[in-house]
C-alpha atoms as a PDB file:
ATOM      1  CA  MET A   1     112.351 106.521  94.566  1.00  0.00           C
ATOM      2  CA  LEU A   2     108.665 105.966  95.299  1.00  0.00           C
ATOM      3  CA  PHE A   3     106.417 108.246  97.316  1.00  0.00           C
ATOM      4  CA  GLU A   4     102.732 108.237  98.048  1.00  0.00           C
ATOM      5  CA  CYS A   5     101.809 111.775  97.028  1.00  0.00           C
ATOM      6  CA  PHE A   6      98.253 112.971  97.593  1.00  0.00           C
ATOM      7  CA  GLY A   7      96.974 109.385  97.665  1.00  0.00           C
ATOM      8  CA  ASP A   8      98.661 108.181  94.461  1.00  0.00           C
ATOM      9  CA  LYS A   9     101.914 106.515  93.572  1.00  0.00           C
ATOM     10  CA  CYS A  10     104.574 109.004  92.582  1.00  0.00           C
ATOM     11  CA  VAL A  11     107.663 107.512  90.990  1.00  0.00           C
ATOM     12  CA  ASP A  12     110.530 109.986  90.683  1.00  0.00           C
ATOM     13  CA  LYS A  13     111.356 110.883  87.050  1.00  0.00           C
ATOM     14  CA  VAL A  14     108.193 109.127  85.876  1.00  0.00           C
ATOM     15  CA  HIS A  15     105.066 110.704  87.350  1.00  0.00           C
ATOM     16  CA  ASN A  16     106.706 114.051  88.233  1.00  0.00           C
ATOM     17  CA  LEU A  17     108.402 114.538  84.837  1.00  0.00           C
ATOM     18  CA  VAL A  18     107.647 117.638  82.739  1.00  0.00           C
ATOM     19  CA  ARG A  19     108.825 118.077  79.136  1.00  0.00           C
ATOM     20  CA  ALA A  20     109.017 121.199  76.970  1.00  0.00           C
ATOM     21  CA  GLU A  21     110.199 122.105  73.487  1.00  0.00           C
ATOM     22  CA  SER A  22     109.703 124.377  70.512  1.00  0.00           C
ATOM     23  CA  ASN A  23     107.265 123.435  67.767  1.00  0.00           C
ATOM     24  CA  THR A  24     109.325 122.192  64.819  1.00  0.00           C
ATOM     25  CA  ALA A  25     106.291 122.564  62.523  1.00  0.00           C
ATOM     26  CA  SER A  26     106.355 126.351  63.068  1.00  0.00           C
ATOM     27  CA  PRO A  27     110.016 127.083  63.735  1.00  0.00           C
ATOM     28  CA  ARG A  28     111.425 130.376  64.954  1.00  0.00           C
ATOM     29  CA  PRO A  29     115.072 131.406  64.486  1.00  0.00           C
ATOM     30  CA  ALA A  30     116.042 129.979  67.900  1.00  0.00           C
ATOM     31  CA  MET A  31     114.741 126.570  68.977  1.00  0.00           C
ATOM     32  CA  ILE A  32     114.499 124.721  72.283  1.00  0.00           C
ATOM     33  CA  SER A  33     114.569 120.920  72.241  1.00  0.00           C
ATOM     34  CA  ASP A  34     114.444 117.996  74.646  1.00  0.00           C
ATOM     35  CA  VAL A  35     113.925 120.035  77.824  1.00  0.00           C
ATOM     36  CA  SER A  36     112.910 117.865  80.741  1.00  0.00           C
ATOM     37  CA  GLY A  37     112.656 118.466  84.440  1.00  0.00           C
ATOM     38  CA  THR A  38     111.146 116.962  87.558  1.00  0.00           C
ATOM     39  CA  VAL A  39     109.089 118.727  90.213  1.00  0.00           C
ATOM     40  CA  TYR A  40     109.198 118.312  93.985  1.00  0.00           C
ATOM     41  CA  ASN A  41     107.558 119.741  97.078  1.00  0.00           C
ATOM     42  CA  LYS A  42     109.433 121.868  99.609  1.00  0.00           C
ATOM     43  CA  LYS A  43     110.558 118.663 101.387  1.00  0.00           C
ATOM     44  CA  ASN A  44     112.212 117.589  98.122  1.00  0.00           C
ATOM     45  CA  GLN A  45     109.740 114.734  97.613  1.00  0.00           C
ATOM     46  CA  PRO A  46     108.410 114.023  94.100  1.00  0.00           C
ATOM     47  CA  SER A  47     105.280 116.112  93.560  1.00  0.00           C
ATOM     48  CA  CYS A  48     102.367 114.372  91.838  1.00  0.00           C
ATOM     49  CA  TYR A  49      98.589 114.212  91.831  1.00  0.00           C
ATOM     50  CA  ASN A  50      96.712 111.380  90.113  1.00  0.00           C
ATOM     51  CA  GLU A  51     100.089 110.092  88.911  1.00  0.00           C
ATOM     52  CA  ARG A  52     100.804 113.313  87.003  1.00  0.00           C
ATOM     53  CA  PRO A  53     103.242 116.105  87.921  1.00  0.00           C
ATOM     54  CA  THR A  54     101.893 118.946  90.028  1.00  0.00           C
ATOM     55  CA  VAL A  55     103.875 122.135  90.630  1.00  0.00           C
ATOM     56  CA  VAL A  56     103.569 123.313  94.215  1.00  0.00           C
ATOM     57  CA  LEU A  57     104.727 126.654  95.593  1.00  0.00           C
ATOM     58  CA  PRO A  58     107.062 126.753  97.357  1.00  0.00           C
ATOM     59  CA  GLY A  59     108.692 123.789  95.700  1.00  0.00           C
ATOM     60  CA  VAL A  60     111.651 122.606  93.652  1.00  0.00           C
ATOM     61  CA  VAL A  61     112.320 121.910  89.971  1.00  0.00           C
ATOM     62  CA  LYS A  62     115.323 119.916  88.767  1.00  0.00           C
ATOM     63  CA  PHE A  63     116.362 120.313  85.130  1.00  0.00           C
ATOM     64  CA  LEU A  64     117.521 117.021  83.613  1.00  0.00           C
ATOM     65  CA  SER A  65     118.167 117.794  79.947  1.00  0.00           C
ATOM     66  CA  GLY A  66     117.600 120.334  77.223  1.00  0.00           C
ATOM     67  CA  GLN A  67     119.262 122.628  74.745  1.00  0.00           C
ATOM     68  CA  VAL A  68     118.616 125.860  72.900  1.00  0.00           C
ATOM     69  CA  THR A  69     120.036 126.499  69.427  1.00  0.00           C
ATOM     70  CA  VAL A  70     120.670 130.175  68.660  1.00  0.00           C
ATOM     71  CA  PRO A  71     121.532 131.197  65.064  1.00  0.00           C
ATOM     72  CA  LYS A  72     123.007 134.644  65.767  1.00  0.00           C
ATOM     73  CA  LYS A  73     123.732 137.056  68.593  1.00  0.00           C
ATOM     74  CA  TYR A  74     120.740 138.728  70.261  1.00  0.00           C
ATOM     75  CA  ASP A  75     120.902 141.507  72.852  1.00  0.00           C
ATOM     76  CA  LEU A  76     118.533 139.862  75.308  1.00  0.00           C
ATOM     77  CA  ILE A  77     119.760 141.924  78.242  1.00  0.00           C
ATOM     78  CA  LYS A  78     118.810 145.157  76.496  1.00  0.00           C
ATOM     79  CA  SER A  79     115.571 144.173  74.784  1.00  0.00           C
ATOM     80  CA  GLY A  80     114.533 140.627  75.719  1.00  0.00           C
ATOM     81  CA  TYR A  81     110.950 140.043  76.872  1.00  0.00           C
ATOM     82  CA  LEU A  82     109.074 136.877  77.764  1.00  0.00           C
ATOM     83  CA  LEU A  83     105.477 136.883  76.503  1.00  0.00           C
ATOM     84  CA  LEU A  84     103.149 134.347  78.105  1.00  0.00           C
ATOM     85  CA  THR A  85     100.050 132.648  76.802  1.00  0.00           C
ATOM     86  CA  VAL A  86      98.327 130.733  79.604  1.00  0.00           C
ATOM     87  CA  ARG A  87      95.302 128.526  79.014  1.00  0.00           C
ATOM     88  CA  GLY A  88      93.392 126.849  81.836  1.00  0.00           C
ATOM     89  CA  MET A  89      91.325 123.692  81.615  1.00  0.00           C
ATOM     90  CA  ASP A  90      88.534 125.413  83.581  1.00  0.00           C
ATOM     91  CA  TYR A  91      88.660 128.692  81.617  1.00  0.00           C
ATOM     92  CA  ASP A  92      86.969 129.438  78.309  1.00  0.00           C
ATOM     93  CA  ASP A  93      89.507 132.125  77.378  1.00  0.00           C
ATOM     94  CA  PRO A  94      93.267 132.400  77.938  1.00  0.00           C
ATOM     95  CA  LEU A  95      94.377 134.107  81.154  1.00  0.00           C
ATOM     96  CA  CYS A  96      97.295 135.635  79.236  1.00  0.00           C
ATOM     97  CA  LEU A  97      97.516 135.883  75.456  1.00  0.00           C
ATOM     98  CA  ASN A  98     100.820 136.770  73.783  1.00  0.00           C
ATOM     99  CA  GLY A  99     101.944 138.766  76.807  1.00  0.00           C
ATOM    100  CA  VAL A 100      98.659 140.584  77.457  1.00  0.00           C
ATOM    101  CA  SER A 101      96.367 139.826  80.405  1.00  0.00           C
ATOM    102  CA  GLN A 102      92.852 138.731  79.487  1.00  0.00           C
ATOM    103  CA  TYR A 103      91.528 138.861  83.087  1.00  0.00           C
ATOM    104  CA  PHE A 104      91.159 141.947  85.282  1.00  0.00           C
ATOM    105  CA  ALA A 105      92.579 140.056  88.289  1.00  0.00           C
ATOM    106  CA  ILE A 106      95.878 139.452  86.475  1.00  0.00           C
ATOM    107  CA  PRO A 107      98.078 142.471  85.740  1.00  0.00           C
ATOM    108  CA  ASP A 108      99.904 142.647  82.404  1.00  0.00           C
ATOM    109  CA  ASP A 109     103.172 142.461  84.359  1.00  0.00           C
ATOM    110  CA  PHE A 110     102.379 138.794  85.078  1.00  0.00           C
ATOM    111  CA  CYS A 111     102.017 138.087  81.346  1.00  0.00           C
ATOM    112  CA  ARG A 112     104.948 140.099  79.947  1.00  0.00           C
ATOM    113  CA  LEU A 113     108.240 139.832  81.797  1.00  0.00           C
ATOM    114  CA  LYS A 114     111.738 141.139  81.232  1.00  0.00           C
ATOM    115  CA  LEU A 115     113.436 137.937  80.162  1.00  0.00           C
ATOM    116  CA  CYS A 116     116.721 138.457  81.969  1.00  0.00           C
ATOM    117  CA  ASP A 117     115.001 139.447  85.216  1.00  0.00           C
ATOM    118  CA  PHE A 118     113.178 136.112  84.970  1.00  0.00           C
ATOM    119  CA  ILE A 119     116.036 133.758  84.009  1.00  0.00           C
ATOM    120  CA  GLY A 120     118.992 135.847  85.239  1.00  0.00           C
ATOM    121  CA  GLU A 121     121.425 138.112  83.399  1.00  0.00           C
ATOM    122  CA  ASP A 122     124.224 135.552  83.658  1.00  0.00           C
ATOM    123  CA  VAL A 123     122.071 132.991  81.811  1.00  0.00           C
ATOM    124  CA  CYS A 124     121.123 135.626  79.225  1.00  0.00           C
ATOM    125  CA  ARG A 125     124.773 136.439  78.549  1.00  0.00           C
ATOM    126  CA  VAL A 126     125.408 132.814  77.607  1.00  0.00           C
ATOM    127  CA  VAL A 127     122.261 132.008  75.598  1.00  0.00           C
ATOM    128  CA  GLN A 128     122.205 135.275  73.616  1.00  0.00           C
ATOM    129  CA  GLU A 129     125.361 134.140  71.809  1.00  0.00           C
ATOM    130  CA  PRO A 130     125.130 131.972  68.662  1.00  0.00           C
ATOM    131  CA  GLY A 131     125.515 128.244  69.168  1.00  0.00           C
ATOM    132  CA  THR A 132     123.859 125.301  70.878  1.00  0.00           C
ATOM    133  CA  HIS A 133     123.619 125.815  74.624  1.00  0.00           C
ATOM    134  CA  THR A 134     122.963 123.151  77.267  1.00  0.00           C
ATOM    135  CA  PHE A 135     122.490 122.997  81.023  1.00  0.00           C
ATOM    136  CA  LYS A 136     125.940 121.400  81.283  1.00  0.00           C
ATOM    137  CA  GLU A 137     127.429 124.467  79.580  1.00  0.00           C
ATOM    138  CA  LEU A 138     125.602 126.761  82.013  1.00  0.00           C
ATOM    139  CA  GLU A 139     126.892 124.707  84.951  1.00  0.00           C
ATOM    140  CA  LYS A 140     130.457 124.985  83.647  1.00  0.00           C
ATOM    141  CA  LYS A 141     130.443 128.654  82.594  1.00  0.00           C
ATOM    142  CA  ILE A 142     128.353 130.341  85.286  1.00  0.00           C
ATOM    143  CA  ASN A 143     127.991 127.654  87.961  1.00  0.00           C
ATOM    144  CA  PHE A 144     124.283 127.368  87.145  1.00  0.00           C
ATOM    145  CA  ASN A 145     122.388 125.188  89.603  1.00  0.00           C
ATOM    146  CA  THR A 146     120.037 122.811  87.768  1.00  0.00           C
ATOM    147  CA  THR A 147     118.051 122.467  91.007  1.00  0.00           C
ATOM    148  CA  GLN A 148     115.939 125.615  91.308  1.00  0.00           C
ATOM    149  CA  LEU A 149     113.761 126.636  94.247  1.00  0.00           C
ATOM    150  CA  LEU A 150     110.236 127.770  93.404  1.00  0.00           C
ATOM    151  CA  PRO A 151     109.099 130.650  95.633  1.00  0.00           C
ATOM    152  CA  GLU A 152     105.921 131.223  97.578  1.00  0.00           C
ATOM    153  CA  PRO A 153     103.119 132.331  95.226  1.00  0.00           C
ATOM    154  CA  PRO A 154     102.460 136.080  94.961  1.00  0.00           C
ATOM    155  CA  SER A 155      99.650 137.353  97.171  1.00  0.00           C
ATOM    156  CA  LEU A 156      97.505 140.458  97.455  1.00  0.00           C
ATOM    157  CA  LEU A 157      95.608 141.443 100.608  1.00  0.00           C
ATOM    158  CA  GLY A 158      96.401 138.057 102.117  1.00  0.00           C
ATOM    159  CA  ILE A 159      94.980 136.133  99.147  1.00  0.00           C
ATOM    160  CA  SER A 160      97.467 133.908  97.362  1.00  0.00           C
ATOM    161  CA  LEU A 161      97.477 133.746  93.577  1.00  0.00           C
ATOM    162  CA  LEU A 162      97.103 129.971  93.975  1.00  0.00           C
ATOM    163  CA  ASP A 163      93.930 130.497  96.014  1.00  0.00           C
ATOM    164  CA  LEU A 164      92.445 131.980  92.848  1.00  0.00           C
ATOM    165  CA  PHE A 165      94.169 130.063  90.088  1.00  0.00           C
ATOM    166  CA  ALA A 166      95.162 126.563  91.254  1.00  0.00           C
ATOM    167  CA  GLY A 167      94.257 124.056  88.562  1.00  0.00           C
ATOM    168  CA  GLU A 168      95.457 122.718  85.229  1.00  0.00           C
ATOM    169  CA  PHE A 169      97.183 125.033  82.772  1.00  0.00           C
ATOM    170  CA  GLY A 170      99.091 124.991  79.510  1.00  0.00           C
ATOM    171  CA  PHE A 171     101.863 127.521  78.925  1.00  0.00           C
ATOM    172  CA  HIS A 172     103.273 128.947  75.717  1.00  0.00           C
ATOM    173  CA  PHE A 173     106.284 131.242  76.007  1.00  0.00           C
ATOM    174  CA  GLN A 174     107.567 133.603  73.326  1.00  0.00           C
ATOM    175  CA  VAL A 175     110.888 135.411  73.526  1.00  0.00           C
ATOM    176  CA  GLU A 176     110.757 138.837  71.896  1.00  0.00           C
ATOM    177  CA  THR A 177     113.773 141.006  71.229  1.00  0.00           C
ATOM    178  CA  GLU A 178     113.919 144.207  69.176  1.00  0.00           C
ATOM    179  CA  GLY A 179     110.273 143.659  68.216  1.00  0.00           C
ATOM    180  CA  GLU A 180     110.842 140.163  66.772  1.00  0.00           C
ATOM    181  CA  ILE A 181     109.661 136.836  68.198  1.00  0.00           C
ATOM    182  CA  VAL A 182     112.850 134.770  68.048  1.00  0.00           C
ATOM    183  CA  LEU A 183     111.865 131.720  70.103  1.00  0.00           C
ATOM    184  CA  GLU A 184     108.728 129.895  71.227  1.00  0.00           C
ATOM    185  CA  VAL A 185     108.364 127.001  73.651  1.00  0.00           C
ATOM    186  CA  THR A 186     105.383 125.057  74.979  1.00  0.00           C
ATOM    187  CA  VAL A 187     105.113 123.619  78.511  1.00  0.00           C
ATOM    188  CA  PRO A 188     104.214 120.823  78.946  1.00  0.00           C
ATOM    189  CA  THR A 189     104.603 118.782  75.766  1.00  0.00           C
ATOM    190  CA  ASN A 190     104.129 115.387  77.448  1.00  0.00           C
ATOM    191  CA  ASP A 191     100.570 116.291  78.511  1.00  0.00           C
ATOM    192  CA  LYS A 192      97.933 118.830  77.521  1.00  0.00           C
ATOM    193  CA  PHE A 193      98.014 120.629  80.870  1.00  0.00           C
ATOM    194  CA  LEU A 194     100.334 121.006  83.844  1.00  0.00           C
ATOM    195  CA  GLN A 195      98.805 120.846  87.303  1.00  0.00           C
ATOM    196  CA  ILE A 196      99.614 123.920  89.410  1.00  0.00           C
ATOM    197  CA  GLY A 197      98.970 123.777  93.148  1.00  0.00           C
ATOM    198  CA  VAL A 198      96.637 120.788  92.747  1.00  0.00           C
ATOM    199  CA  THR A 199      96.316 118.694  95.915  1.00  0.00           C
ATOM    200  CA  ASP A 200      93.605 116.770  97.736  1.00  0.00           C
END
């Protein structure tokens, strides 16, 4: 499928492909590998800019592959948190660093999230158990939909978060439970930055 997106060719599963995985050089107890997904606009057309993926809100992400290997049971529902580190190409300092906001315009709640509120308690119940978990398993066990809708961006006083922070960003996620970082994953791994809300 080929679309002309924002003046450039946008081949589905080529130019709109995003990859993510854990760093095997600095492993944590749980590891994510081979995660890939494709991004689309709200019309379900591949979303690209300059022949690179761009995440638009609202929009769509489709998960294609990926697995997480969990060595033992964790109580993610009780004590799981997602700590974000967000670096922007146009920013000297991180916007979020290990779950703590570095900018007054961004509340800490945007940088440190309750994991199961973010990914869903049903997903947490599956992936907190030991084993290797895949999207196919989630589809079978909890009817997980690998096509996920991305919502409108948060806004304050009529100003969208994307009005302030559209651009190119790199994301590093840490999962913390009972005070221990048990998993880390970087997005994207097939490029230095991921375009967010970037259009002509």
